[in-house]
Structures are given as structure tokens and as C-alpha cells.
Amino acid sequence: MARLCYTCGKGPASGNSVSHANNKTRRRWLPNLQTVKIVDEAGERRRVRVCTRCISAGKITKAAPMAVAGI
């Protein structure tokens, strides 16, 4: 499963770790992805990975919990 946001497509960014001695090594910044259940455009419930910025901006509609029968 790719580290991409389902809504905005945000993925890992790359750059350098720079030490005090100015040594540079490659590193990655990973997006803050959360697995959430959503209702997509077709009205189906799906489990997708969405970044926290899209969740707080309301770009997705979370799926309501399923009703538990018999309780």
C-alpha cells in the first residue's frame, strides 16, 4: 500500500539530514496518514489512508459506524 493520501495525493518528501559537522545524508519526511472508513462518491464504504490535513479540513465524509444487531 503506497504512502499517498487518498484525497490530495500527498506523499513522502525527500531531503538531507545535516549534522553539526555539515555531513549530509538522504532522508524522507513521511506524511501523517491515518486509515479511516469513508463513504466515497458511489456511496460505498471504503477504508482508505488520508492525511490529517484533509481530515481536519473536512474533505472526506467519514462512514457512520455499523449498527450492531441483537444488542
PDB file of N, CA and C in Angstrom:
ATOM      1  N   MET A   1       0.840  -1.172   0.000  1.00  0.00           N
ATOM      2  CA  MET A   1       0.000   0.000   0.000  1.00  0.00           C
ATOM      3  C   MET A   1       0.893   1.245   0.000  1.00  0.00           C
ATOM      4  N   ALA A   2       0.685   2.123  -0.937  1.00  0.00           N
ATOM      5  CA  ALA A   2       1.530   3.292  -1.079  1.00  0.00           C
ATOM      6  C   ALA A   2       1.276   4.293   0.035  1.00  0.00           C
ATOM      7  N   ARG A   3       2.285   5.075   0.337  1.00  0.00           N
ATOM      8  CA  ARG A   3       2.143   6.126   1.345  1.00  0.00           C
ATOM      9  C   ARG A   3       1.674   7.406   0.677  1.00  0.00           C
ATOM     10  N   LEU A   4       0.453   7.361   0.159  1.00  0.00           N
ATOM     11  CA  LEU A   4      -0.139   8.501  -0.519  1.00  0.00           C
ATOM     12  C   LEU A   4      -1.501   8.796   0.091  1.00  0.00           C
ATOM     13  N   CYS A   5      -1.831  10.080   0.185  1.00  0.00           N
ATOM     14  CA  CYS A   5      -3.146  10.486   0.668  1.00  0.00           C
ATOM     15  C   CYS A   5      -4.172  10.217  -0.427  1.00  0.00           C
ATOM     16  N   TYR A   6      -5.300   9.624  -0.050  1.00  0.00           N
ATOM     17  CA  TYR A   6      -6.359   9.295  -0.997  1.00  0.00           C
ATOM     18  C   TYR A   6      -6.967  10.553  -1.606  1.00  0.00           C
ATOM     19  N   THR A   7      -7.053  11.640  -0.842  1.00  0.00           N
ATOM     20  CA  THR A   7      -7.719  12.854  -1.294  1.00  0.00           C
ATOM     21  C   THR A   7      -6.794  13.776  -2.080  1.00  0.00           C
ATOM     22  N   CYS A   8      -5.677  14.160  -1.495  1.00  0.00           N
ATOM     23  CA  CYS A   8      -4.827  15.178  -2.117  1.00  0.00           C
ATOM     24  C   CYS A   8      -3.597  14.607  -2.808  1.00  0.00           C
ATOM     25  N   GLY A   9      -3.280  13.333  -2.579  1.00  0.00           N
ATOM     26  CA  GLY A   9      -2.129  12.717  -3.225  1.00  0.00           C
ATOM     27  C   GLY A   9      -0.798  13.046  -2.587  1.00  0.00           C
ATOM     28  N   LYS A  10      -0.836  13.602  -1.392  1.00  0.00           N
ATOM     29  CA  LYS A  10       0.410  13.946  -0.701  1.00  0.00           C
ATOM     30  C   LYS A  10       1.210  12.685  -0.416  1.00  0.00           C
ATOM     31  N   GLY A  11       2.514  12.726  -0.686  1.00  0.00           N
ATOM     32  CA  GLY A  11       3.385  11.582  -0.473  1.00  0.00           C
ATOM     33  C   GLY A  11       4.643  11.994   0.268  1.00  0.00           C
ATOM     34  N   PRO A  12       5.602  11.090   0.365  1.00  0.00           N
ATOM     35  CA  PRO A  12       6.836  11.392   1.070  1.00  0.00           C
ATOM     36  C   PRO A  12       7.633  12.492   0.373  1.00  0.00           C
ATOM     37  N   ALA A  13       8.264  13.340   1.181  1.00  0.00           N
ATOM     38  CA  ALA A  13       9.185  14.350   0.667  1.00  0.00           C
ATOM     39  C   ALA A  13      10.596  13.914   1.027  1.00  0.00           C
ATOM     40  N   SER A  14      11.564  14.317   0.235  1.00  0.00           N
ATOM     41  CA  SER A  14      12.934  13.899   0.497  1.00  0.00           C
ATOM     42  C   SER A  14      13.831  15.113   0.637  1.00  0.00           C
ATOM     43  N   GLY A  15      14.940  14.904   1.305  1.00  0.00           N
ATOM     44  CA  GLY A  15      15.907  15.973   1.515  1.00  0.00           C
ATOM     45  C   GLY A  15      17.130  15.413   2.202  1.00  0.00           C
ATOM     46  N   ASN A  16      17.839  16.264   2.895  1.00  0.00           N
ATOM     47  CA  ASN A  16      19.073  15.864   3.557  1.00  0.00           C
ATOM     48  C   ASN A  16      18.956  16.033   5.061  1.00  0.00           C
ATOM     49  N   SER A  17      19.550  15.075   5.796  1.00  0.00           N
ATOM     50  CA  SER A  17      19.823  15.277   7.208  1.00  0.00           C
ATOM     51  C   SER A  17      21.187  15.936   7.266  1.00  0.00           C
ATOM     52  N   VAL A  18      21.288  17.044   7.976  1.00  0.00           N
ATOM     53  CA  VAL A  18      22.549  17.775   8.039  1.00  0.00           C
ATOM     54  C   VAL A  18      23.047  17.728   9.475  1.00  0.00           C
ATOM     55  N   SER A  19      24.218  17.156   9.687  1.00  0.00           N
ATOM     56  CA  SER A  19      24.789  17.038  11.019  1.00  0.00           C
ATOM     57  C   SER A  19      25.482  18.337  11.410  1.00  0.00           C
ATOM     58  N   HIS A  20      25.936  18.392  12.647  1.00  0.00           N
ATOM     59  CA  HIS A  20      26.651  19.571  13.134  1.00  0.00           C
ATOM     60  C   HIS A  20      27.946  19.789  12.345  1.00  0.00           C
ATOM     61  N   ALA A  21      28.535  18.701  11.853  1.00  0.00           N
ATOM     62  CA  ALA A  21      29.760  18.784  11.048  1.00  0.00           C
ATOM     63  C   ALA A  21      29.441  19.028   9.577  1.00  0.00           C
ATOM     64  N   ASN A  22      28.176  19.332   9.268  1.00  0.00           N
ATOM     65  CA  ASN A  22      27.713  19.622   7.903  1.00  0.00           C
ATOM     66  C   ASN A  22      27.801  18.413   6.981  1.00  0.00           C
ATOM     67  N   ASN A  23      27.764  17.192   7.575  1.00  0.00           N
ATOM     68  CA  ASN A  23      27.669  15.984   6.760  1.00  0.00           C
ATOM     69  C   ASN A  23      26.222  15.831   6.330  1.00  0.00           C
ATOM     70  N   LYS A  24      26.018  15.440   5.086  1.00  0.00           N
ATOM     71  CA  LYS A  24      24.662  15.331   4.549  1.00  0.00           C
ATOM     72  C   LYS A  24      24.358  13.887   4.160  1.00  0.00           C
ATOM     73  N   THR A  25      23.226  13.381   4.667  1.00  0.00           N
ATOM     74  CA  THR A  25      22.742  12.057   4.279  1.00  0.00           C
ATOM     75  C   THR A  25      21.278  12.205   3.905  1.00  0.00           C
ATOM     76  N   ARG A  26      20.830  11.374   2.970  1.00  0.00           N
ATOM     77  CA  ARG A  26      19.456  11.479   2.473  1.00  0.00           C
ATOM     78  C   ARG A  26      18.468  10.998   3.518  1.00  0.00           C
ATOM     79  N   ARG A  27      17.314  11.650   3.589  1.00  0.00           N
ATOM     80  CA  ARG A  27      16.253  11.240   4.498  1.00  0.00           C
ATOM     81  C   ARG A  27      14.909  11.524   3.844  1.00  0.00           C
ATOM     82  N   ARG A  28      13.838  11.006   4.484  1.00  0.00           N
ATOM     83  CA  ARG A  28      12.470  11.185   3.976  1.00  0.00           C
ATOM     84  C   ARG A  28      11.586  11.709   5.077  1.00  0.00           C
ATOM     85  N   TRP A  29      10.667  12.596   4.702  1.00  0.00           N
ATOM     86  CA  TRP A  29       9.606  13.052   5.598  1.00  0.00           C
ATOM     87  C   TRP A  29       8.329  12.377   5.136  1.00  0.00           C
ATOM     88  N   LEU A  30       7.727  11.577   6.010  1.00  0.00           N
ATOM     89  CA  LEU A  30       6.516  10.852   5.643  1.00  0.00           C
ATOM     90  C   LEU A  30       5.293  11.668   6.043  1.00  0.00           C
ATOM     91  N   PRO A  31       4.244  11.669   5.216  1.00  0.00           N
ATOM     92  CA  PRO A  31       3.025  12.387   5.584  1.00  0.00           C
ATOM     93  C   PRO A  31       2.315  11.677   6.731  1.00  0.00           C
ATOM     94  N   ASN A  32       1.553  12.442   7.507  1.00  0.00           N
ATOM     95  CA  ASN A  32       0.811  11.883   8.643  1.00  0.00           C
ATOM     96  C   ASN A  32      -0.497  11.295   8.108  1.00  0.00           C
ATOM     97  N   LEU A  33      -0.439  10.031   7.704  1.00  0.00           N
ATOM     98  CA  LEU A  33      -1.598   9.357   7.131  1.00  0.00           C
ATOM     99  C   LEU A  33      -2.317   8.546   8.192  1.00  0.00           C
ATOM    100  N   GLN A  34      -3.631   8.599   8.161  1.00  0.00           N
ATOM    101  CA  GLN A  34      -4.473   7.832   9.062  1.00  0.00           C
ATOM    102  C   GLN A  34      -5.405   6.964   8.224  1.00  0.00           C
ATOM    103  N   THR A  35      -5.657   5.747   8.680  1.00  0.00           N
ATOM    104  CA  THR A  35      -6.592   4.864   7.998  1.00  0.00           C
ATOM    105  C   THR A  35      -7.988   5.161   8.528  1.00  0.00           C
ATOM    106  N   VAL A  36      -8.888   5.572   7.637  1.00  0.00           N
ATOM    107  CA  VAL A  36     -10.252   5.918   8.024  1.00  0.00           C
ATOM    108  C   VAL A  36     -11.235   5.233   7.094  1.00  0.00           C
ATOM    109  N   LYS A  37     -12.442   5.003   7.614  1.00  0.00           N
ATOM    110  CA  LYS A  37     -13.527   4.474   6.790  1.00  0.00           C
ATOM    111  C   LYS A  37     -14.321   5.657   6.278  1.00  0.00           C
ATOM    112  N   ILE A  38     -14.492   5.731   4.952  1.00  0.00           N
ATOM    113  CA  ILE A  38     -15.193   6.852   4.347  1.00  0.00           C
ATOM    114  C   ILE A  38     -16.334   6.343   3.484  1.00  0.00           C
ATOM    115  N   VAL A  39     -17.181   7.264   3.086  1.00  0.00           N
ATOM    116  CA  VAL A  39     -18.212   6.986   2.093  1.00  0.00           C
ATOM    117  C   VAL A  39     -17.767   7.690   0.817  1.00  0.00           C
ATOM    118  N   ASP A  40     -17.502   6.920  -0.245  1.00  0.00           N
ATOM    119  CA  ASP A  40     -16.994   7.515  -1.480  1.00  0.00           C
ATOM    120  C   ASP A  40     -18.128   8.077  -2.338  1.00  0.00           C
ATOM    121  N   GLU A  41     -17.774   8.528  -3.555  1.00  0.00           N
ATOM    122  CA  GLU A  41     -18.741   9.172  -4.438  1.00  0.00           C
ATOM    123  C   GLU A  41     -19.867   8.229  -4.851  1.00  0.00           C
ATOM    124  N   ALA A  42     -19.574   6.930  -4.922  1.00  0.00           N
ATOM    125  CA  ALA A  42     -20.574   5.945  -5.314  1.00  0.00           C
ATOM    126  C   ALA A  42     -21.464   5.526  -4.140  1.00  0.00           C
ATOM    127  N   GLY A  43     -21.195   6.061  -2.954  1.00  0.00           N
ATOM    128  CA  GLY A  43     -21.993   5.722  -1.781  1.00  0.00           C
ATOM    129  C   GLY A  43     -21.542   4.457  -1.079  1.00  0.00           C
ATOM    130  N   GLU A  44     -20.375   3.942  -1.424  1.00  0.00           N
ATOM    131  CA  GLU A  44     -19.862   2.717  -0.801  1.00  0.00           C
ATOM    132  C   GLU A  44     -18.901   3.068   0.323  1.00  0.00           C
ATOM    133  N   ARG A  45     -18.886   2.199   1.341  1.00  0.00           N
ATOM    134  CA  ARG A  45     -17.937   2.365   2.443  1.00  0.00           C
ATOM    135  C   ARG A  45     -16.590   1.808   2.023  1.00  0.00           C
ATOM    136  N   ARG A  46     -15.530   2.584   2.256  1.00  0.00           N
ATOM    137  CA  ARG A  46     -14.184   2.156   1.911  1.00  0.00           C
ATOM    138  C   ARG A  46     -13.252   2.496   3.057  1.00  0.00           C
ATOM    139  N   ARG A  47     -12.180   1.740   3.157  1.00  0.00           N
ATOM    140  CA  ARG A  47     -11.123   2.049   4.119  1.00  0.00           C
ATOM    141  C   ARG A  47      -9.938   2.589   3.323  1.00  0.00           C
ATOM    142  N   VAL A  48      -9.573   3.832   3.581  1.00  0.00           N
ATOM    143  CA  VAL A  48      -8.511   4.488   2.821  1.00  0.00           C
ATOM    144  C   VAL A  48      -7.557   5.194   3.775  1.00  0.00           C
ATOM    145  N   ARG A  49      -6.407   5.591   3.237  1.00  0.00           N
ATOM    146  CA  ARG A  49      -5.425   6.349   4.006  1.00  0.00           C
ATOM    147  C   ARG A  49      -5.512   7.809   3.594  1.00  0.00           C
ATOM    148  N   VAL A  50      -5.758   8.676   4.583  1.00  0.00           N
ATOM    149  CA  VAL A  50      -5.959  10.099   4.331  1.00  0.00           C
ATOM    150  C   VAL A  50      -5.054  10.877   5.271  1.00  0.00           C
ATOM    151  N   CYS A  51      -4.474  11.971   4.785  1.00  0.00           N
ATOM    152  CA  CYS A  51      -3.623  12.796   5.640  1.00  0.00           C
ATOM    153  C   CYS A  51      -4.493  13.572   6.629  1.00  0.00           C
ATOM    154  N   THR A  52      -3.903  13.937   7.750  1.00  0.00           N
ATOM    155  CA  THR A  52      -4.651  14.603   8.808  1.00  0.00           C
ATOM    156  C   THR A  52      -5.127  15.985   8.380  1.00  0.00           C
ATOM    157  N   ARG A  53      -4.438  16.629   7.458  1.00  0.00           N
ATOM    158  CA  ARG A  53      -4.879  17.937   6.984  1.00  0.00           C
ATOM    159  C   ARG A  53      -6.195  17.810   6.236  1.00  0.00           C
ATOM    160  N   CYS A  54      -6.354  16.760   5.429  1.00  0.00           N
ATOM    161  CA  CYS A  54      -7.611  16.551   4.705  1.00  0.00           C
ATOM    162  C   CYS A  54      -8.733  16.156   5.648  1.00  0.00           C
ATOM    163  N   ILE A  55      -8.422  15.393   6.700  1.00  0.00           N
ATOM    164  CA  ILE A  55      -9.448  15.003   7.665  1.00  0.00           C
ATOM    165  C   ILE A  55      -9.967  16.229   8.406  1.00  0.00           C
ATOM    166  N   SER A  56      -9.057  17.090   8.880  1.00  0.00           N
ATOM    167  CA  SER A  56      -9.491  18.254   9.648  1.00  0.00           C
ATOM    168  C   SER A  56     -10.149  19.304   8.764  1.00  0.00           C
ATOM    169  N   ALA A  57      -9.811  19.333   7.461  1.00  0.00           N
ATOM    170  CA  ALA A  57     -10.433  20.289   6.540  1.00  0.00           C
ATOM    171  C   ALA A  57     -11.800  19.821   6.090  1.00  0.00           C
ATOM    172  N   GLY A  58     -12.179  18.578   6.409  1.00  0.00           N
ATOM    173  CA  GLY A  58     -13.493  18.063   6.041  1.00  0.00           C
ATOM    174  C   GLY A  58     -13.607  17.678   4.586  1.00  0.00           C
ATOM    175  N   LYS A  59     -12.487  17.297   3.962  1.00  0.00           N
ATOM    176  CA  LYS A  59     -12.517  16.929   2.544  1.00  0.00           C
ATOM    177  C   LYS A  59     -13.064  15.527   2.319  1.00  0.00           C
ATOM    178  N   ILE A  60     -13.266  14.782   3.392  1.00  0.00           N
ATOM    179  CA  ILE A  60     -13.835  13.441   3.289  1.00  0.00           C
ATOM    180  C   ILE A  60     -15.066  13.374   4.176  1.00  0.00           C
ATOM    181  N   THR A  61     -15.934  12.401   3.904  1.00  0.00           N
ATOM    182  CA  THR A  61     -17.074  12.148   4.783  1.00  0.00           C
ATOM    183  C   THR A  61     -16.860  10.790   5.429  1.00  0.00           C
ATOM    184  N   LYS A  62     -16.700  10.795   6.742  1.00  0.00           N
ATOM    185  CA  LYS A  62     -16.477   9.557   7.456  1.00  0.00           C
ATOM    186  C   LYS A  62     -17.737   8.721   7.439  1.00  0.00           C
ATOM    187  N   ALA A  63     -17.555   7.406   7.381  1.00  0.00           N
ATOM    188  CA  ALA A  63     -18.677   6.489   7.389  1.00  0.00           C
ATOM    189  C   ALA A  63     -19.178   6.327   8.823  1.00  0.00           C
ATOM    190  N   ALA A  64     -20.483   6.278   8.986  1.00  0.00           N
ATOM    191  CA  ALA A  64     -21.067   6.067  10.304  1.00  0.00           C
ATOM    192  C   ALA A  64     -20.809   4.624  10.722  1.00  0.00           C
ATOM    193  N   PRO A  65     -20.633   4.384  12.026  1.00  0.00           N
ATOM    194  CA  PRO A  65     -20.414   3.008  12.476  1.00  0.00           C
ATOM    195  C   PRO A  65     -21.612   2.128  12.148  1.00  0.00           C
ATOM    196  N   MET A  66     -21.311   0.877  11.850  1.00  0.00           N
ATOM    197  CA  MET A  66     -22.370  -0.089  11.541  1.00  0.00           C
ATOM    198  C   MET A  66     -23.154  -0.394  12.809  1.00  0.00           C
ATOM    199  N   ALA A  67     -24.456  -0.527  12.686  1.00  0.00           N
ATOM    200  CA  ALA A  67     -25.306  -0.862  13.821  1.00  0.00           C
ATOM    201  C   ALA A  67     -25.076  -2.324  14.195  1.00  0.00           C
ATOM    202  N   VAL A  68     -24.958  -2.576  15.488  1.00  0.00           N
ATOM    203  CA  VAL A  68     -24.744  -3.939  15.965  1.00  0.00           C
ATOM    204  C   VAL A  68     -26.119  -4.557  16.222  1.00  0.00           C
ATOM    205  N   ALA A  69     -26.423  -5.653  15.567  1.00  0.00           N
ATOM    206  CA  ALA A  69     -27.735  -6.301  15.697  1.00  0.00           C
ATOM    207  C   ALA A  69     -27.762  -7.182  16.938  1.00  0.00           C
ATOM    208  N   GLY A  70     -28.875  -7.154  17.637  1.00  0.00           N
ATOM    209  CA  GLY A  70     -29.082  -8.044  18.775  1.00  0.00           C
ATOM    210  C   GLY A  70     -28.587  -7.513  20.096  1.00  0.00           C
ATOM    211  N   ILE A  71     -28.051  -6.314  20.129  1.00  0.00           N
ATOM    212  CA  ILE A  71     -27.531  -5.777  21.406  1.00  0.00           C
ATOM    213  C   ILE A  71     -28.294  -4.522  21.776  1.00  0.00           C
TER     214      ILE A  71
END
